[in-house]
Amino acid sequence: MSFRHAFPAVLAAGVLVLAGCASAVMKNYVGGPVETVMLDYGPPTSILDLGPGRRAYQWRKVSTNVVPGSARSEVRRTRRGTDVETTETPGYVERQECFYTFYARAVGERWLITNFRKPSLECE
């Protein structure tokens, strides 16, 4: 089997291995105080009251990645001489915005994490 034919299977396996990474980390905070998340990731981007004694705390992460361009030249010999054909692919900046949301309930003066919203697949 060539790499070209095996690549989709390798990619799918890689996605399955990576899927759940953020969720696994988030699961570790369930049952603890929201301050624990704040100590690790800073203050939340937003806090939403969900009703008496319930809140959602949300962190936003924006990532940028520069994808370089490329150029490929192919030299061909023709009856008229040498011909150079160049194919260019421009580079670009990729921007990704991810949200990580924890649900909490009031217990006395503290807010304890009860659950979380699973991030989108590209944010796992």
C-alpha atoms as a PDB file:
ATOM      1  CA  MET A   1       0.000   0.000   0.000  1.00  0.00           C
ATOM      2  CA  SER A   2       1.445   3.378  -0.974  1.00  0.00           C
ATOM      3  CA  PHE A   3       1.601   6.362   1.376  1.00  0.00           C
ATOM      4  CA  ARG A   4      -0.882   8.157  -0.849  1.00  0.00           C
ATOM      5  CA  HIS A   5      -3.450   5.422  -0.269  1.00  0.00           C
ATOM      6  CA  ALA A   6      -2.600   4.994   3.420  1.00  0.00           C
ATOM      7  CA  PHE A   7      -2.697   8.735   4.242  1.00  0.00           C
ATOM      8  CA  PRO A   8      -6.494   8.962   4.842  1.00  0.00           C
ATOM      9  CA  ALA A   9      -6.327   6.057   7.292  1.00  0.00           C
ATOM     10  CA  VAL A  10      -3.309   7.559   9.076  1.00  0.00           C
ATOM     11  CA  LEU A  11      -5.057  10.938   9.280  1.00  0.00           C
ATOM     12  CA  ALA A  12      -8.248   9.381  10.675  1.00  0.00           C
ATOM     13  CA  ALA A  13      -6.255   7.481  13.303  1.00  0.00           C
ATOM     14  CA  GLY A  14      -4.459  10.689  14.287  1.00  0.00           C
ATOM     15  CA  VAL A  15      -7.757  12.539  14.685  1.00  0.00           C
ATOM     16  CA  LEU A  16      -9.106   9.771  16.901  1.00  0.00           C
ATOM     17  CA  VAL A  17      -5.995   9.878  19.096  1.00  0.00           C
ATOM     18  CA  LEU A  18      -6.217  13.658  19.464  1.00  0.00           C
ATOM     19  CA  ALA A  19     -10.002  13.751  19.908  1.00  0.00           C
ATOM     20  CA  GLY A  20     -10.874  14.229  23.525  1.00  0.00           C
ATOM     21  CA  CYS A  21      -7.602  15.900  24.584  1.00  0.00           C
ATOM     22  CA  ALA A  22      -9.218  19.161  25.737  1.00  0.00           C
ATOM     23  CA  SER A  23     -12.238  17.286  27.073  1.00  0.00           C
ATOM     24  CA  ALA A  24      -9.979  15.001  29.109  1.00  0.00           C
ATOM     25  CA  VAL A  25      -8.282  18.024  30.678  1.00  0.00           C
ATOM     26  CA  MET A  26     -11.628  19.732  31.310  1.00  0.00           C
ATOM     27  CA  LYS A  27     -13.059  16.598  32.941  1.00  0.00           C
ATOM     28  CA  ASN A  28     -10.339  16.841  35.613  1.00  0.00           C
ATOM     29  CA  TYR A  29     -11.816  20.135  36.874  1.00  0.00           C
ATOM     30  CA  VAL A  30     -15.333  18.756  37.459  1.00  0.00           C
ATOM     31  CA  GLY A  31     -16.135  18.742  41.178  1.00  0.00           C
ATOM     32  CA  GLY A  32     -13.547  21.390  42.011  1.00  0.00           C
ATOM     33  CA  PRO A  33     -13.869  25.129  42.512  1.00  0.00           C
ATOM     34  CA  VAL A  34     -13.838  27.404  39.468  1.00  0.00           C
ATOM     35  CA  GLU A  35     -10.808  29.192  40.954  1.00  0.00           C
ATOM     36  CA  THR A  36      -8.702  26.163  40.011  1.00  0.00           C
ATOM     37  CA  VAL A  37      -9.366  26.778  36.320  1.00  0.00           C
ATOM     38  CA  MET A  38      -8.673  30.504  36.816  1.00  0.00           C
ATOM     39  CA  LEU A  39      -5.320  29.738  38.420  1.00  0.00           C
ATOM     40  CA  ASP A  40      -4.346  27.636  35.396  1.00  0.00           C
ATOM     41  CA  TYR A  41      -5.831  29.732  32.546  1.00  0.00           C
ATOM     42  CA  GLY A  42      -6.497  33.204  33.940  1.00  0.00           C
ATOM     43  CA  PRO A  43      -9.844  34.935  34.329  1.00  0.00           C
ATOM     44  CA  PRO A  44     -12.740  33.767  32.158  1.00  0.00           C
ATOM     45  CA  THR A  45     -13.655  35.757  29.071  1.00  0.00           C
ATOM     46  CA  SER A  46     -17.295  35.789  30.155  1.00  0.00           C
ATOM     47  CA  ILE A  47     -19.567  34.642  32.969  1.00  0.00           C
ATOM     48  CA  LEU A  48     -23.215  33.917  32.245  1.00  0.00           C
ATOM     49  CA  ASP A  49     -25.856  33.564  34.969  1.00  0.00           C
ATOM     50  CA  LEU A  50     -28.062  30.575  34.144  1.00  0.00           C
ATOM     51  CA  GLY A  51     -30.577  30.986  36.946  1.00  0.00           C
ATOM     52  CA  PRO A  52     -30.523  30.741  40.719  1.00  0.00           C
ATOM     53  CA  GLY A  53     -27.218  29.257  41.842  1.00  0.00           C
ATOM     54  CA  ARG A  54     -26.041  28.299  38.316  1.00  0.00           C
ATOM     55  CA  ARG A  55     -23.434  29.870  36.061  1.00  0.00           C
ATOM     56  CA  ALA A  56     -21.416  29.210  32.923  1.00  0.00           C
ATOM     57  CA  TYR A  57     -17.779  30.315  32.833  1.00  0.00           C
ATOM     58  CA  GLN A  58     -16.238  30.623  29.397  1.00  0.00           C
ATOM     59  CA  TRP A  59     -12.646  30.969  28.224  1.00  0.00           C
ATOM     60  CA  ARG A  60     -11.831  32.049  24.663  1.00  0.00           C
ATOM     61  CA  LYS A  61      -8.598  31.138  22.909  1.00  0.00           C
ATOM     62  CA  VAL A  62      -7.562  32.575  19.548  1.00  0.00           C
ATOM     63  CA  SER A  63      -4.700  30.915  17.704  1.00  0.00           C
ATOM     64  CA  THR A  64      -2.991  31.967  14.510  1.00  0.00           C
ATOM     65  CA  ASN A  65      -0.788  29.831  12.347  1.00  0.00           C
ATOM     66  CA  VAL A  66       1.212  30.945   9.328  1.00  0.00           C
ATOM     67  CA  VAL A  67       1.053  28.463   6.482  1.00  0.00           C
ATOM     68  CA  PRO A  68       3.966  29.185   4.134  1.00  0.00           C
ATOM     69  CA  GLY A  69       3.549  29.331   0.402  1.00  0.00           C
ATOM     70  CA  SER A  70       5.473  27.144  -1.968  1.00  0.00           C
ATOM     71  CA  ALA A  71       6.757  27.144  -5.518  1.00  0.00           C
ATOM     72  CA  ARG A  72       7.582  24.155  -7.660  1.00  0.00           C
ATOM     73  CA  SER A  73       9.335  24.336 -10.990  1.00  0.00           C
ATOM     74  CA  GLU A  74       9.478  21.643 -13.586  1.00  0.00           C
ATOM     75  CA  VAL A  75      11.950  21.773 -16.473  1.00  0.00           C
ATOM     76  CA  ARG A  76      10.812  20.221 -19.725  1.00  0.00           C
ATOM     77  CA  ARG A  77      12.871  19.755 -22.824  1.00  0.00           C
ATOM     78  CA  THR A  78      10.914  20.439 -25.965  1.00  0.00           C
ATOM     79  CA  ARG A  79      11.814  20.513 -29.646  1.00  0.00           C
ATOM     80  CA  ARG A  80      12.140  24.275 -29.328  1.00  0.00           C
ATOM     81  CA  GLY A  81      14.483  24.156 -26.319  1.00  0.00           C
ATOM     82  CA  THR A  82      13.939  24.156 -22.572  1.00  0.00           C
ATOM     83  CA  ASP A  83      10.617  25.159 -21.010  1.00  0.00           C
ATOM     84  CA  VAL A  84      10.256  25.889 -17.280  1.00  0.00           C
ATOM     85  CA  GLU A  85       6.800  25.596 -15.758  1.00  0.00           C
ATOM     86  CA  THR A  86       6.395  27.018 -12.251  1.00  0.00           C
ATOM     87  CA  THR A  87       3.417  26.325  -9.987  1.00  0.00           C
ATOM     88  CA  GLU A  88       2.986  28.648  -7.019  1.00  0.00           C
ATOM     89  CA  THR A  89       0.804  28.189  -3.967  1.00  0.00           C
ATOM     90  CA  PRO A  90       0.424  31.354  -1.893  1.00  0.00           C
ATOM     91  CA  GLY A  91       0.861  31.303   1.865  1.00  0.00           C
ATOM     92  CA  TYR A  92      -1.841  32.399   4.264  1.00  0.00           C
ATOM     93  CA  VAL A  93      -2.583  33.030   7.923  1.00  0.00           C
ATOM     94  CA  GLU A  94      -4.958  30.586   9.541  1.00  0.00           C
ATOM     95  CA  ARG A  95      -7.005  31.884  12.497  1.00  0.00           C
ATOM     96  CA  GLN A  96      -8.848  29.619  14.905  1.00  0.00           C
ATOM     97  CA  GLU A  97     -11.153  30.681  17.719  1.00  0.00           C
ATOM     98  CA  CYS A  98     -12.043  28.188  20.439  1.00  0.00           C
ATOM     99  CA  PHE A  99     -14.383  28.440  23.411  1.00  0.00           C
ATOM    100  CA  TYR A 100     -14.082  26.354  26.578  1.00  0.00           C
ATOM    101  CA  THR A 101     -17.148  26.452  28.823  1.00  0.00           C
ATOM    102  CA  PHE A 102     -17.584  25.124  32.368  1.00  0.00           C
ATOM    103  CA  TYR A 103     -20.916  24.937  34.195  1.00  0.00           C
ATOM    104  CA  ALA A 104     -20.927  25.630  37.925  1.00  0.00           C
ATOM    105  CA  ARG A 105     -23.299  25.811  40.871  1.00  0.00           C
ATOM    106  CA  ALA A 106     -23.095  27.864  44.022  1.00  0.00           C
ATOM    107  CA  VAL A 107     -22.161  26.018  47.189  1.00  0.00           C
ATOM    108  CA  GLY A 108     -22.039  28.550  49.965  1.00  0.00           C
ATOM    109  CA  GLU A 109     -19.673  31.313  48.873  1.00  0.00           C
ATOM    110  CA  ARG A 110     -17.934  29.196  46.206  1.00  0.00           C
ATOM    111  CA  TRP A 111     -18.737  28.060  42.694  1.00  0.00           C
ATOM    112  CA  LEU A 112     -18.088  24.368  42.022  1.00  0.00           C
ATOM    113  CA  ILE A 113     -17.756  22.993  38.515  1.00  0.00           C
ATOM    114  CA  THR A 114     -20.500  20.505  37.731  1.00  0.00           C
ATOM    115  CA  ASN A 115     -19.930  19.893  34.021  1.00  0.00           C
ATOM    116  CA  PHE A 116     -18.463  21.329  30.827  1.00  0.00           C
ATOM    117  CA  ARG A 117     -19.468  21.796  27.215  1.00  0.00           C
ATOM    118  CA  LYS A 118     -17.383  19.659  24.878  1.00  0.00           C
ATOM    119  CA  PRO A 119     -15.304  21.908  22.569  1.00  0.00           C
ATOM    120  CA  SER A 120     -15.701  21.688  18.818  1.00  0.00           C
ATOM    121  CA  LEU A 121     -13.601  18.996  17.124  1.00  0.00           C
ATOM    122  CA  GLU A 122     -10.977  21.422  15.816  1.00  0.00           C
ATOM    123  CA  CYS A 123     -10.530  22.774  19.368  1.00  0.00           C
ATOM    124  CA  GLU A 124      -9.976  19.378  20.976  1.00  0.00           C
END
